[in-house]
Amino acid sequence: MTFEQRKAQVKSYLGKTVKIGIDRPVGYVHRKEKYSLVYPVNYGYIPGVLGGDGEELDVYLLGVEIPVEEYTAKIIAIVHRHNDIEDKLVAAPENMSFSKAEIEAAVHFQEQYYDTEIEVLE
């Protein structure tokens, strides 16, 4: 996937409602080589849609405080990673909204390791 294709793909999801499979629910501990990462939000993917890394397109799910296995939500933002081969989507329940600052704070646990820019649905 080219850079342009990757950007067009994630842009095409802004404002859409999608079904998300959750493989790292709230509280999930991802053990890395030098540290462990605890997920404070549900994190998953859009089934059957491949992202820039060749894996299913990743999605942070905000506003759902309990672990879930799947969820249907609206894509409210994109986390553009400038120093990686993939971008991430951010979703929330239909009736919820989050500011850019709130999104940045919610995804900081993982995005602190990347050069990122948040694009929020207007």
PDB file of N, CA and C in Angstrom:
ATOM      1  N   MET A   1       0.851  -1.177   0.000  1.00  0.00           N
ATOM      2  CA  MET A   1       0.000   0.000   0.000  1.00  0.00           C
ATOM      3  C   MET A   1       0.896   1.239   0.000  1.00  0.00           C
ATOM      4  N   THR A   2       0.635   2.155  -0.905  1.00  0.00           N
ATOM      5  CA  THR A   2       1.426   3.383  -0.961  1.00  0.00           C
ATOM      6  C   THR A   2       0.989   4.334   0.150  1.00  0.00           C
ATOM      7  N   PHE A   3       1.808   5.342   0.377  1.00  0.00           N
ATOM      8  CA  PHE A   3       1.492   6.364   1.373  1.00  0.00           C
ATOM      9  C   PHE A   3       0.163   7.029   1.036  1.00  0.00           C
ATOM     10  N   GLU A   4      -0.037   7.380  -0.231  1.00  0.00           N
ATOM     11  CA  GLU A   4      -1.264   8.045  -0.664  1.00  0.00           C
ATOM     12  C   GLU A   4      -2.481   7.144  -0.461  1.00  0.00           C
ATOM     13  N   GLN A   5      -2.340   5.862  -0.776  1.00  0.00           N
ATOM     14  CA  GLN A   5      -3.443   4.912  -0.586  1.00  0.00           C
ATOM     15  C   GLN A   5      -3.787   4.775   0.898  1.00  0.00           C
ATOM     16  N   ARG A   6      -2.762   4.725   1.723  1.00  0.00           N
ATOM     17  CA  ARG A   6      -2.955   4.606   3.172  1.00  0.00           C
ATOM     18  C   ARG A   6      -3.729   5.796   3.705  1.00  0.00           C
ATOM     19  N   LYS A   7      -3.338   6.997   3.301  1.00  0.00           N
ATOM     20  CA  LYS A   7      -4.012   8.211   3.774  1.00  0.00           C
ATOM     21  C   LYS A   7      -5.447   8.283   3.263  1.00  0.00           C
ATOM     22  N   ALA A   8      -5.664   7.912   2.005  1.00  0.00           N
ATOM     23  CA  ALA A   8      -7.015   7.924   1.432  1.00  0.00           C
ATOM     24  C   ALA A   8      -7.905   6.909   2.144  1.00  0.00           C
ATOM     25  N   GLN A   9      -7.334   5.767   2.478  1.00  0.00           N
ATOM     26  CA  GLN A   9      -8.110   4.728   3.153  1.00  0.00           C
ATOM     27  C   GLN A   9      -8.632   5.213   4.497  1.00  0.00           C
ATOM     28  N   VAL A  10      -7.749   5.725   5.356  1.00  0.00           N
ATOM     29  CA  VAL A  10      -8.198   6.146   6.682  1.00  0.00           C
ATOM     30  C   VAL A  10      -9.133   7.347   6.594  1.00  0.00           C
ATOM     31  N   LYS A  11      -8.865   8.263   5.663  1.00  0.00           N
ATOM     32  CA  LYS A  11      -9.742   9.427   5.464  1.00  0.00           C
ATOM     33  C   LYS A  11     -11.153   8.993   5.096  1.00  0.00           C
ATOM     34  N   SER A  12     -11.262   7.901   4.325  1.00  0.00           N
ATOM     35  CA  SER A  12     -12.569   7.444   3.855  1.00  0.00           C
ATOM     36  C   SER A  12     -13.460   6.954   4.998  1.00  0.00           C
ATOM     37  N   TYR A  13     -12.891   6.665   6.149  1.00  0.00           N
ATOM     38  CA  TYR A  13     -13.673   6.169   7.284  1.00  0.00           C
ATOM     39  C   TYR A  13     -14.175   7.278   8.212  1.00  0.00           C
ATOM     40  N   LEU A  14     -13.625   8.476   8.110  1.00  0.00           N
ATOM     41  CA  LEU A  14     -14.056   9.571   8.991  1.00  0.00           C
ATOM     42  C   LEU A  14     -15.556   9.803   8.870  1.00  0.00           C
ATOM     43  N   GLY A  15     -16.256   9.756   9.992  1.00  0.00           N
ATOM     44  CA  GLY A  15     -17.694   9.986  10.019  1.00  0.00           C
ATOM     45  C   GLY A  15     -18.539   8.745   9.778  1.00  0.00           C
ATOM     46  N   LYS A  16     -17.919   7.636   9.396  1.00  0.00           N
ATOM     47  CA  LYS A  16     -18.677   6.410   9.131  1.00  0.00           C
ATOM     48  C   LYS A  16     -18.888   5.611  10.413  1.00  0.00           C
ATOM     49  N   THR A  17     -19.950   4.844  10.426  1.00  0.00           N
ATOM     50  CA  THR A  17     -20.217   3.925  11.524  1.00  0.00           C
ATOM     51  C   THR A  17     -19.730   2.548  11.100  1.00  0.00           C
ATOM     52  N   VAL A  18     -18.915   1.919  11.951  1.00  0.00           N
ATOM     53  CA  VAL A  18     -18.308   0.635  11.620  1.00  0.00           C
ATOM     54  C   VAL A  18     -18.432  -0.342  12.786  1.00  0.00           C
ATOM     55  N   LYS A  19     -18.362  -1.615  12.461  1.00  0.00           N
ATOM     56  CA  LYS A  19     -18.308  -2.664  13.478  1.00  0.00           C
ATOM     57  C   LYS A  19     -16.831  -2.929  13.764  1.00  0.00           C
ATOM     58  N   ILE A  20     -16.485  -2.931  15.044  1.00  0.00           N
ATOM     59  CA  ILE A  20     -15.095  -3.096  15.469  1.00  0.00           C
ATOM     60  C   ILE A  20     -14.956  -4.401  16.242  1.00  0.00           C
ATOM     61  N   GLY A  21     -13.970  -5.201  15.895  1.00  0.00           N
ATOM     62  CA  GLY A  21     -13.603  -6.364  16.693  1.00  0.00           C
ATOM     63  C   GLY A  21     -12.572  -5.898  17.713  1.00  0.00           C
ATOM     64  N   ILE A  22     -12.752  -6.246  18.964  1.00  0.00           N
ATOM     65  CA  ILE A  22     -11.829  -5.802  20.022  1.00  0.00           C
ATOM     66  C   ILE A  22     -10.921  -6.969  20.417  1.00  0.00           C
ATOM     67  N   ASP A  23      -9.620  -6.803  20.194  1.00  0.00           N
ATOM     68  CA  ASP A  23      -8.675  -7.848  20.598  1.00  0.00           C
ATOM     69  C   ASP A  23      -7.811  -7.429  21.784  1.00  0.00           C
ATOM     70  N   ARG A  24      -7.898  -6.159  22.169  1.00  0.00           N
ATOM     71  CA  ARG A  24      -7.194  -5.669  23.356  1.00  0.00           C
ATOM     72  C   ARG A  24      -8.185  -4.811  24.154  1.00  0.00           C
ATOM     73  N   PRO A  25      -8.982  -5.465  24.995  1.00  0.00           N
ATOM     74  CA  PRO A  25      -9.995  -4.728  25.766  1.00  0.00           C
ATOM     75  C   PRO A  25      -9.374  -3.893  26.881  1.00  0.00           C
ATOM     76  N   VAL A  26     -10.175  -3.017  27.456  1.00  0.00           N
ATOM     77  CA  VAL A  26      -9.742  -2.216  28.606  1.00  0.00           C
ATOM     78  C   VAL A  26      -9.075  -3.137  29.626  1.00  0.00           C
ATOM     79  N   GLY A  27      -7.874  -2.751  30.077  1.00  0.00           N
ATOM     80  CA  GLY A  27      -7.144  -3.535  31.077  1.00  0.00           C
ATOM     81  C   GLY A  27      -6.192  -4.563  30.493  1.00  0.00           C
ATOM     82  N   TYR A  28      -6.239  -4.791  29.181  1.00  0.00           N
ATOM     83  CA  TYR A  28      -5.351  -5.761  28.526  1.00  0.00           C
ATOM     84  C   TYR A  28      -3.901  -5.352  28.749  1.00  0.00           C
ATOM     85  N   VAL A  29      -3.035  -6.321  29.055  1.00  0.00           N
ATOM     86  CA  VAL A  29      -1.611  -6.050  29.245  1.00  0.00           C
ATOM     87  C   VAL A  29      -0.851  -6.653  28.072  1.00  0.00           C
ATOM     88  N   HIS A  30      -0.203  -5.782  27.300  1.00  0.00           N
ATOM     89  CA  HIS A  30       0.615  -6.207  26.157  1.00  0.00           C
ATOM     90  C   HIS A  30       2.069  -6.148  26.597  1.00  0.00           C
ATOM     91  N   ARG A  31       2.680  -7.293  26.704  1.00  0.00           N
ATOM     92  CA  ARG A  31       4.063  -7.357  27.172  1.00  0.00           C
ATOM     93  C   ARG A  31       5.014  -7.134  25.993  1.00  0.00           C
ATOM     94  N   LYS A  32       5.824  -6.097  26.113  1.00  0.00           N
ATOM     95  CA  LYS A  32       6.833  -5.768  25.107  1.00  0.00           C
ATOM     96  C   LYS A  32       8.177  -6.266  25.619  1.00  0.00           C
ATOM     97  N   GLU A  33       9.201  -6.142  24.793  1.00  0.00           N
ATOM     98  CA  GLU A  33      10.526  -6.613  25.180  1.00  0.00           C
ATOM     99  C   GLU A  33      11.070  -5.881  26.410  1.00  0.00           C
ATOM    100  N   LYS A  34      10.893  -4.558  26.450  1.00  0.00           N
ATOM    101  CA  LYS A  34      11.476  -3.760  27.533  1.00  0.00           C
ATOM    102  C   LYS A  34      10.458  -3.190  28.508  1.00  0.00           C
ATOM    103  N   TYR A  35       9.150  -3.370  28.227  1.00  0.00           N
ATOM    104  CA  TYR A  35       8.124  -2.806  29.100  1.00  0.00           C
ATOM    105  C   TYR A  35       6.795  -3.492  28.822  1.00  0.00           C
ATOM    106  N   SER A  36       5.828  -3.211  29.675  1.00  0.00           N
ATOM    107  CA  SER A  36       4.472  -3.704  29.457  1.00  0.00           C
ATOM    108  C   SER A  36       3.563  -2.512  29.201  1.00  0.00           C
ATOM    109  N   LEU A  37       2.593  -2.713  28.335  1.00  0.00           N
ATOM    110  CA  LEU A  37       1.658  -1.666  27.973  1.00  0.00           C
ATOM    111  C   LEU A  37       0.267  -2.093  28.411  1.00  0.00           C
ATOM    112  N   VAL A  38      -0.348  -1.312  29.314  1.00  0.00           N
ATOM    113  CA  VAL A  38      -1.699  -1.600  29.785  1.00  0.00           C
ATOM    114  C   VAL A  38      -2.670  -0.718  29.008  1.00  0.00           C
ATOM    115  N   TYR A  39      -3.684  -1.328  28.419  1.00  0.00           N
ATOM    116  CA  TYR A  39      -4.645  -0.601  27.601  1.00  0.00           C
ATOM    117  C   TYR A  39      -5.750   0.018  28.470  1.00  0.00           C
ATOM    118  N   PRO A  40      -5.817   1.349  28.532  1.00  0.00           N
ATOM    119  CA  PRO A  40      -6.862   2.020  29.299  1.00  0.00           C
ATOM    120  C   PRO A  40      -8.161   2.177  28.499  1.00  0.00           C
ATOM    121  N   VAL A  41      -8.111   1.846  27.212  1.00  0.00           N
ATOM    122  CA  VAL A  41      -9.282   1.911  26.328  1.00  0.00           C
ATOM    123  C   VAL A  41      -9.396   0.593  25.573  1.00  0.00           C
ATOM    124  N   ASN A  42     -10.563   0.328  25.036  1.00  0.00           N
ATOM    125  CA  ASN A  42     -10.728  -0.826  24.154  1.00  0.00           C
ATOM    126  C   ASN A  42     -10.021  -0.516  22.832  1.00  0.00           C
ATOM    127  N   TYR A  43      -9.358  -1.527  22.282  1.00  0.00           N
ATOM    128  CA  TYR A  43      -8.570  -1.345  21.065  1.00  0.00           C
ATOM    129  C   TYR A  43      -8.807  -2.551  20.182  1.00  0.00           C
ATOM    130  N   GLY A  44      -9.057  -2.288  18.923  1.00  0.00           N
ATOM    131  CA  GLY A  44      -9.331  -3.401  18.026  1.00  0.00           C
ATOM    132  C   GLY A  44      -9.083  -3.057  16.583  1.00  0.00           C
ATOM    133  N   TYR A  45      -9.982  -3.519  15.715  1.00  0.00           N
ATOM    134  CA  TYR A  45      -9.745  -3.448  14.280  1.00  0.00           C
ATOM    135  C   TYR A  45     -11.078  -3.536  13.540  1.00  0.00           C
ATOM    136  N   ILE A  46     -11.040  -3.141  12.282  1.00  0.00           N
ATOM    137  CA  ILE A  46     -12.197  -3.319  11.412  1.00  0.00           C
ATOM    138  C   ILE A  46     -11.985  -4.656  10.693  1.00  0.00           C
ATOM    139  N   PRO A  47     -12.816  -5.655  10.982  1.00  0.00           N
ATOM    140  CA  PRO A  47     -12.624  -6.977  10.387  1.00  0.00           C
ATOM    141  C   PRO A  47     -12.605  -6.928   8.858  1.00  0.00           C
ATOM    142  N   GLY A  48     -11.603  -7.589   8.297  1.00  0.00           N
ATOM    143  CA  GLY A  48     -11.502  -7.731   6.848  1.00  0.00           C
ATOM    144  C   GLY A  48     -10.925  -6.538   6.108  1.00  0.00           C
ATOM    145  N   VAL A  49     -10.578  -5.469   6.828  1.00  0.00           N
ATOM    146  CA  VAL A  49     -10.008  -4.278   6.184  1.00  0.00           C
ATOM    147  C   VAL A  49      -8.533  -4.191   6.567  1.00  0.00           C
ATOM    148  N   LEU A  50      -7.654  -4.285   5.584  1.00  0.00           N
ATOM    149  CA  LEU A  50      -6.222  -4.254   5.860  1.00  0.00           C
ATOM    150  C   LEU A  50      -5.700  -2.825   5.870  1.00  0.00           C
ATOM    151  N   GLY A  51      -4.836  -2.538   6.838  1.00  0.00           N
ATOM    152  CA  GLY A  51      -4.213  -1.226   6.960  1.00  0.00           C
ATOM    153  C   GLY A  51      -2.840  -1.208   6.318  1.00  0.00           C
ATOM    154  N   GLY A  52      -2.095  -0.149   6.585  1.00  0.00           N
ATOM    155  CA  GLY A  52      -0.778   0.050   5.988  1.00  0.00           C
ATOM    156  C   GLY A  52       0.251  -1.005   6.333  1.00  0.00           C
ATOM    157  N   ASP A  53       0.057  -1.700   7.449  1.00  0.00           N
ATOM    158  CA  ASP A  53       1.013  -2.733   7.867  1.00  0.00           C
ATOM    159  C   ASP A  53       0.638  -4.116   7.347  1.00  0.00           C
ATOM    160  N   GLY A  54      -0.436  -4.206   6.544  1.00  0.00           N
ATOM    161  CA  GLY A  54      -0.862  -5.502   6.018  1.00  0.00           C
ATOM    162  C   GLY A  54      -1.739  -6.284   6.981  1.00  0.00           C
ATOM    163  N   GLU A  55      -1.966  -5.739   8.167  1.00  0.00           N
ATOM    164  CA  GLU A  55      -2.855  -6.342   9.162  1.00  0.00           C
ATOM    165  C   GLU A  55      -4.168  -5.567   9.143  1.00  0.00           C
ATOM    166  N   GLU A  56      -5.159  -6.074   9.869  1.00  0.00           N
ATOM    167  CA  GLU A  56      -6.441  -5.372   9.889  1.00  0.00           C
ATOM    168  C   GLU A  56      -6.285  -3.965  10.475  1.00  0.00           C
ATOM    169  N   LEU A  57      -7.064  -3.031   9.938  1.00  0.00           N
ATOM    170  CA  LEU A  57      -6.972  -1.616  10.290  1.00  0.00           C
ATOM    171  C   LEU A  57      -7.372  -1.395  11.748  1.00  0.00           C
ATOM    172  N   ASP A  58      -6.463  -0.802  12.523  1.00  0.00           N
ATOM    173  CA  ASP A  58      -6.625  -0.639  13.965  1.00  0.00           C
ATOM    174  C   ASP A  58      -7.523   0.537  14.333  1.00  0.00           C
ATOM    175  N   VAL A  59      -8.244   0.350  15.449  1.00  0.00           N
ATOM    176  CA  VAL A  59      -9.182   1.365  15.935  1.00  0.00           C
ATOM    177  C   VAL A  59      -9.123   1.451  17.462  1.00  0.00           C
ATOM    178  N   TYR A  60      -8.960   2.672  17.968  1.00  0.00           N
ATOM    179  CA  TYR A  60      -9.142   2.939  19.392  1.00  0.00           C
ATOM    180  C   TYR A  60     -10.627   3.200  19.599  1.00  0.00           C
ATOM    181  N   LEU A  61     -11.221   2.597  20.626  1.00  0.00           N
ATOM    182  CA  LEU A  61     -12.626   2.836  20.952  1.00  0.00           C
ATOM    183  C   LEU A  61     -12.695   3.626  22.257  1.00  0.00           C
ATOM    184  N   LEU A  62     -13.126   4.871  22.166  1.00  0.00           N
ATOM    185  CA  LEU A  62     -13.251   5.725  23.344  1.00  0.00           C
ATOM    186  C   LEU A  62     -14.695   5.743  23.824  1.00  0.00           C
ATOM    187  N   GLY A  63     -14.890   6.027  25.108  1.00  0.00           N
ATOM    188  CA  GLY A  63     -16.232   6.201  25.645  1.00  0.00           C
ATOM    189  C   GLY A  63     -16.926   4.934  26.084  1.00  0.00           C
ATOM    190  N   VAL A  64     -16.246   3.806  25.998  1.00  0.00           N
ATOM    191  CA  VAL A  64     -16.795   2.527  26.463  1.00  0.00           C
ATOM    192  C   VAL A  64     -15.839   2.037  27.542  1.00  0.00           C
ATOM    193  N   GLU A  65     -16.247   2.185  28.790  1.00  0.00           N
ATOM    194  CA  GLU A  65     -15.344   1.982  29.931  1.00  0.00           C
ATOM    195  C   GLU A  65     -15.185   0.534  30.368  1.00  0.00           C
ATOM    196  N   ILE A  66     -16.001  -0.364  29.842  1.00  0.00           N
ATOM    197  CA  ILE A  66     -15.902  -1.779  30.209  1.00  0.00           C
ATOM    198  C   ILE A  66     -15.327  -2.570  29.034  1.00  0.00           C
ATOM    199  N   PRO A  67     -14.657  -3.679  29.315  1.00  0.00           N
ATOM    200  CA  PRO A  67     -14.136  -4.501  28.215  1.00  0.00           C
ATOM    201  C   PRO A  67     -15.281  -5.045  27.358  1.00  0.00           C
ATOM    202  N   VAL A  68     -15.122  -4.960  26.048  1.00  0.00           N
ATOM    203  CA  VAL A  68     -16.105  -5.509  25.110  1.00  0.00           C
ATOM    204  C   VAL A  68     -15.381  -6.352  24.063  1.00  0.00           C
ATOM    205  N   GLU A  69     -16.115  -7.261  23.423  1.00  0.00           N
ATOM    206  CA  GLU A  69     -15.527  -8.100  22.381  1.00  0.00           C
ATOM    207  C   GLU A  69     -15.711  -7.501  20.997  1.00  0.00           C
ATOM    208  N   GLU A  70     -16.795  -6.732  20.840  1.00  0.00           N
ATOM    209  CA  GLU A  70     -17.049  -6.026  19.585  1.00  0.00           C
ATOM    210  C   GLU A  70     -17.939  -4.837  19.894  1.00  0.00           C
ATOM    211  N   TYR A  71     -17.975  -3.896  18.967  1.00  0.00           N
ATOM    212  CA  TYR A  71     -18.766  -2.701  19.199  1.00  0.00           C
ATOM    213  C   TYR A  71     -18.994  -2.005  17.865  1.00  0.00           C
ATOM    214  N   THR A  72     -20.152  -1.404  17.697  1.00  0.00           N
ATOM    215  CA  THR A  72     -20.433  -0.613  16.511  1.00  0.00           C
ATOM    216  C   THR A  72     -20.373   0.849  16.931  1.00  0.00           C
ATOM    217  N   ALA A  73     -19.503   1.611  16.270  1.00  0.00           N
ATOM    218  CA  ALA A  73     -19.250   2.994  16.676  1.00  0.00           C
ATOM    219  C   ALA A  73     -18.918   3.857  15.464  1.00  0.00           C
ATOM    220  N   LYS A  74     -18.915   5.164  15.698  1.00  0.00           N
ATOM    221  CA  LYS A  74     -18.624   6.142  14.649  1.00  0.00           C
ATOM    222  C   LYS A  74     -17.146   6.523  14.689  1.00  0.00           C
ATOM    223  N   ILE A  75     -16.514   6.583  13.529  1.00  0.00           N
ATOM    224  CA  ILE A  75     -15.111   7.012  13.450  1.00  0.00           C
ATOM    225  C   ILE A  75     -15.073   8.532  13.585  1.00  0.00           C
ATOM    226  N   ILE A  76     -14.409   8.994  14.644  1.00  0.00           N
ATOM    227  CA  ILE A  76     -14.390  10.423  14.961  1.00  0.00           C
ATOM    228  C   ILE A  76     -13.034  11.084  14.729  1.00  0.00           C
ATOM    229  N   ALA A  77     -11.991  10.274  14.495  1.00  0.00           N
ATOM    230  CA  ALA A  77     -10.660  10.863  14.314  1.00  0.00           C
ATOM    231  C   ALA A  77      -9.710   9.847  13.676  1.00  0.00           C
ATOM    232  N   ILE A  78      -8.608  10.400  13.183  1.00  0.00           N
ATOM    233  CA  ILE A  78      -7.505   9.589  12.658  1.00  0.00           C
ATOM    234  C   ILE A  78      -6.254   9.967  13.426  1.00  0.00           C
ATOM    235  N   VAL A  79      -5.476   8.961  13.815  1.00  0.00           N
ATOM    236  CA  VAL A  79      -4.155   9.200  14.381  1.00  0.00           C
ATOM    237  C   VAL A  79      -3.172   8.946  13.242  1.00  0.00           C
ATOM    238  N   HIS A  80      -2.644  10.033  12.684  1.00  0.00           N
ATOM    239  CA  HIS A  80      -1.665   9.923  11.604  1.00  0.00           C
ATOM    240  C   HIS A  80      -0.294   9.691  12.233  1.00  0.00           C
ATOM    241  N   ARG A  81       0.328   8.593  11.896  1.00  0.00           N
ATOM    242  CA  ARG A  81       1.679   8.304  12.377  1.00  0.00           C
ATOM    243  C   ARG A  81       2.670   8.691  11.282  1.00  0.00           C
ATOM    244  N   HIS A  82       3.508   9.665  11.589  1.00  0.00           N
ATOM    245  CA  HIS A  82       4.475  10.149  10.600  1.00  0.00           C
ATOM    246  C   HIS A  82       5.710   9.265  10.504  1.00  0.00           C
ATOM    247  N   ASN A  83       5.971   8.472  11.520  1.00  0.00           N
ATOM    248  CA  ASN A  83       7.172   7.640  11.522  1.00  0.00           C
ATOM    249  C   ASN A  83       6.828   6.151  11.631  1.00  0.00           C
ATOM    250  N   ASP A  84       5.754   5.752  10.961  1.00  0.00           N
ATOM    251  CA  ASP A  84       5.332   4.353  10.974  1.00  0.00           C
ATOM    252  C   ASP A  84       4.647   4.059   9.639  1.00  0.00           C
ATOM    253  N   ILE A  85       4.354   2.788   9.391  1.00  0.00           N
ATOM    254  CA  ILE A  85       3.728   2.396   8.130  1.00  0.00           C
ATOM    255  C   ILE A  85       2.215   2.296   8.225  1.00  0.00           C
ATOM    256  N   GLU A  86       1.664   2.666   9.373  1.00  0.00           N
ATOM    257  CA  GLU A  86       0.213   2.589   9.533  1.00  0.00           C
ATOM    258  C   GLU A  86      -0.311   3.782  10.319  1.00  0.00           C
ATOM    259  N   ASP A  87      -1.592   4.046  10.132  1.00  0.00           N
ATOM    260  CA  ASP A  87      -2.319   5.048  10.893  1.00  0.00           C
ATOM    261  C   ASP A  87      -3.382   4.310  11.695  1.00  0.00           C
ATOM    262  N   LYS A  88      -3.967   4.987  12.659  1.00  0.00           N
ATOM    263  CA  LYS A  88      -5.003   4.389  13.506  1.00  0.00           C
ATOM    264  C   LYS A  88      -6.275   5.221  13.407  1.00  0.00           C
ATOM    265  N   LEU A  89      -7.405   4.563  13.561  1.00  0.00           N
ATOM    266  CA  LEU A  89      -8.677   5.259  13.622  1.00  0.00           C
ATOM    267  C   LEU A  89      -9.105   5.379  15.080  1.00  0.00           C
ATOM    268  N   VAL A  90      -9.959   6.355  15.358  1.00  0.00           N
ATOM    269  CA  VAL A  90     -10.519   6.539  16.696  1.00  0.00           C
ATOM    270  C   VAL A  90     -12.036   6.539  16.547  1.00  0.00           C
ATOM    271  N   ALA A  91     -12.707   5.718  17.353  1.00  0.00           N
ATOM    272  CA  ALA A  91     -14.160   5.602  17.289  1.00  0.00           C
ATOM    273  C   ALA A  91     -14.762   5.910  18.650  1.00  0.00           C
ATOM    274  N   ALA A  92     -16.059   6.240  18.618  1.00  0.00           N
ATOM    275  CA  ALA A  92     -16.823   6.506  19.838  1.00  0.00           C
ATOM    276  C   ALA A  92     -18.280   6.134  19.577  1.00  0.00           C
ATOM    277  N   PRO A  93     -19.029   5.854  20.635  1.00  0.00           N
ATOM    278  CA  PRO A  93     -20.461   5.624  20.458  1.00  0.00           C
ATOM    279  C   PRO A  93     -21.102   6.822  19.744  1.00  0.00           C
ATOM    280  N   GLU A  94     -22.150   6.556  18.983  1.00  0.00           N
ATOM    281  CA  GLU A  94     -22.815   7.574  18.156  1.00  0.00           C
ATOM    282  C   GLU A  94     -23.140   8.863  18.901  1.00  0.00           C
ATOM    283  N   ASN A  95     -23.505   8.783  20.154  1.00  0.00           N
ATOM    284  CA  ASN A  95     -23.959   9.966  20.893  1.00  0.00           C
ATOM    285  C   ASN A  95     -22.846  10.658  21.668  1.00  0.00           C
ATOM    286  N   MET A  96     -21.604  10.277  21.440  1.00  0.00           N
ATOM    287  CA  MET A  96     -20.495  10.860  22.198  1.00  0.00           C
ATOM    288  C   MET A  96     -19.531  11.585  21.273  1.00  0.00           C
ATOM    289  N   SER A  97     -18.895  12.634  21.822  1.00  0.00           N
ATOM    290  CA  SER A  97     -17.850  13.324  21.075  1.00  0.00           C
ATOM    291  C   SER A  97     -16.683  13.612  22.017  1.00  0.00           C
ATOM    292  N   PHE A  98     -15.524  13.764  21.423  1.00  0.00           N
ATOM    293  CA  PHE A  98     -14.309  14.030  22.187  1.00  0.00           C
ATOM    294  C   PHE A  98     -13.524  15.124  21.473  1.00  0.00           C
ATOM    295  N   SER A  99     -12.913  15.995  22.238  1.00  0.00           N
ATOM    296  CA  SER A  99     -12.069  17.038  21.659  1.00  0.00           C
ATOM    297  C   SER A  99     -10.736  16.424  21.229  1.00  0.00           C
ATOM    298  N   LYS A 100     -10.007  17.167  20.441  1.00  0.00           N
ATOM    299  CA  LYS A 100      -8.675  16.722  20.011  1.00  0.00           C
ATOM    300  C   LYS A 100      -7.796  16.447  21.236  1.00  0.00           C
ATOM    301  N   ALA A 101      -7.847  17.325  22.226  1.00  0.00           N
ATOM    302  CA  ALA A 101      -7.045  17.150  23.442  1.00  0.00           C
ATOM    303  C   ALA A 101      -7.452  15.888  24.206  1.00  0.00           C
ATOM    304  N   GLU A 102      -8.744  15.627  24.278  1.00  0.00           N
ATOM    305  CA  GLU A 102      -9.216  14.415  24.960  1.00  0.00           C
ATOM    306  C   GLU A 102      -8.763  13.153  24.217  1.00  0.00           C
ATOM    307  N   ILE A 103      -8.796  13.194  22.901  1.00  0.00           N
ATOM    308  CA  ILE A 103      -8.342  12.044  22.103  1.00  0.00           C
ATOM    309  C   ILE A 103      -6.846  11.844  22.298  1.00  0.00           C
ATOM    310  N   GLU A 104      -6.088  12.925  22.217  1.00  0.00           N
ATOM    311  CA  GLU A 104      -4.633  12.833  22.419  1.00  0.00           C
ATOM    312  C   GLU A 104      -4.312  12.211  23.771  1.00  0.00           C
ATOM    313  N   ALA A 105      -5.012  12.636  24.819  1.00  0.00           N
ATOM    314  CA  ALA A 105      -4.774  12.096  26.162  1.00  0.00           C
ATOM    315  C   ALA A 105      -5.141  10.614  26.229  1.00  0.00           C
ATOM    316  N   ALA A 106      -6.235  10.232  25.584  1.00  0.00           N
ATOM    317  CA  ALA A 106      -6.712   8.844  25.648  1.00  0.00           C
ATOM    318  C   ALA A 106      -5.792   7.864  24.926  1.00  0.00           C
ATOM    319  N   VAL A 107      -5.144   8.312  23.849  1.00  0.00           N
ATOM    320  CA  VAL A 107      -4.295   7.399  23.063  1.00  0.00           C
ATOM    321  C   VAL A 107      -2.805   7.559  23.374  1.00  0.00           C
ATOM    322  N   HIS A 108      -2.491   8.485  24.273  1.00  0.00           N
ATOM    323  CA  HIS A 108      -1.093   8.765  24.617  1.00  0.00           C
ATOM    324  C   HIS A 108      -0.339   7.518  25.099  1.00  0.00           C
ATOM    325  N   PHE A 109      -1.022   6.628  25.794  1.00  0.00           N
ATOM    326  CA  PHE A 109      -0.371   5.426  26.339  1.00  0.00           C
ATOM    327  C   PHE A 109       0.394   4.664  25.268  1.00  0.00           C
ATOM    328  N   GLN A 110      -0.087   4.689  24.035  1.00  0.00           N
ATOM    329  CA  GLN A 110       0.592   3.989  22.941  1.00  0.00           C
ATOM    330  C   GLN A 110       1.245   4.960  21.957  1.00  0.00           C
ATOM    331  N   GLU A 111       0.596   6.057  21.687  1.00  0.00           N
ATOM    332  CA  GLU A 111       1.090   6.981  20.665  1.00  0.00           C
ATOM    333  C   GLU A 111       2.299   7.794  21.115  1.00  0.00           C
ATOM    334  N   GLN A 112       2.622   7.766  22.411  1.00  0.00           N
ATOM    335  CA  GLN A 112       3.812   8.470  22.896  1.00  0.00           C
ATOM    336  C   GLN A 112       5.089   7.955  22.253  1.00  0.00           C
ATOM    337  N   TYR A 113       5.041   6.761  21.692  1.00  0.00           N
ATOM    338  CA  TYR A 113       6.213   6.151  21.072  1.00  0.00           C
ATOM    339  C   TYR A 113       6.344   6.496  19.587  1.00  0.00           C
ATOM    340  N   TYR A 114       5.426   7.323  19.070  1.00  0.00           N
ATOM    341  CA  TYR A 114       5.398   7.680  17.652  1.00  0.00           C
ATOM    342  C   TYR A 114       5.271   9.186  17.481  1.00  0.00           C
ATOM    343  N   ASP A 115       5.614   9.656  16.301  1.00  0.00           N
ATOM    344  CA  ASP A 115       5.396  11.042  15.919  1.00  0.00           C
ATOM    345  C   ASP A 115       4.013  11.080  15.282  1.00  0.00           C
ATOM    346  N   THR A 116       3.023  11.590  16.025  1.00  0.00           N
ATOM    347  CA  THR A 116       1.645  11.517  15.558  1.00  0.00           C
ATOM    348  C   THR A 116       0.993  12.887  15.448  1.00  0.00           C
ATOM    349  N   GLU A 117      -0.061  12.906  14.659  1.00  0.00           N
ATOM    350  CA  GLU A 117      -0.912  14.073  14.508  1.00  0.00           C
ATOM    351  C   GLU A 117      -2.356  13.558  14.484  1.00  0.00           C
ATOM    352  N   ILE A 118      -3.215  14.207  15.251  1.00  0.00           N
ATOM    353  CA  ILE A 118      -4.618  13.784  15.331  1.00  0.00           C
ATOM    354  C   ILE A 118      -5.448  14.656  14.390  1.00  0.00           C
ATOM    355  N   GLU A 119      -6.229  13.997  13.538  1.00  0.00           N
ATOM    356  CA  GLU A 119      -7.199  14.692  12.689  1.00  0.00           C
ATOM    357  C   GLU A 119      -8.586  14.330  13.208  1.00  0.00           C
ATOM    358  N   VAL A 120      -9.346  15.338  13.605  1.00  0.00           N
ATOM    359  CA  VAL A 120     -10.650  15.125  14.220  1.00  0.00           C
ATOM    360  C   VAL A 120     -11.770  15.449  13.224  1.00  0.00           C
ATOM    361  N   LEU A 121     -12.824  14.636  13.260  1.00  0.00           N
ATOM    362  CA  LEU A 121     -14.009  14.873  12.440  1.00  0.00           C
ATOM    363  C   LEU A 121     -14.633  16.210  12.831  1.00  0.00           C
ATOM    364  N   GLU A 122     -14.908  17.025  11.852  1.00  0.00           N
ATOM    365  CA  GLU A 122     -15.517  18.341  12.143  1.00  0.00           C
ATOM    366  C   GLU A 122     -16.993  18.328  11.867  1.00  0.00           C
TER     367      GLU A 122
END
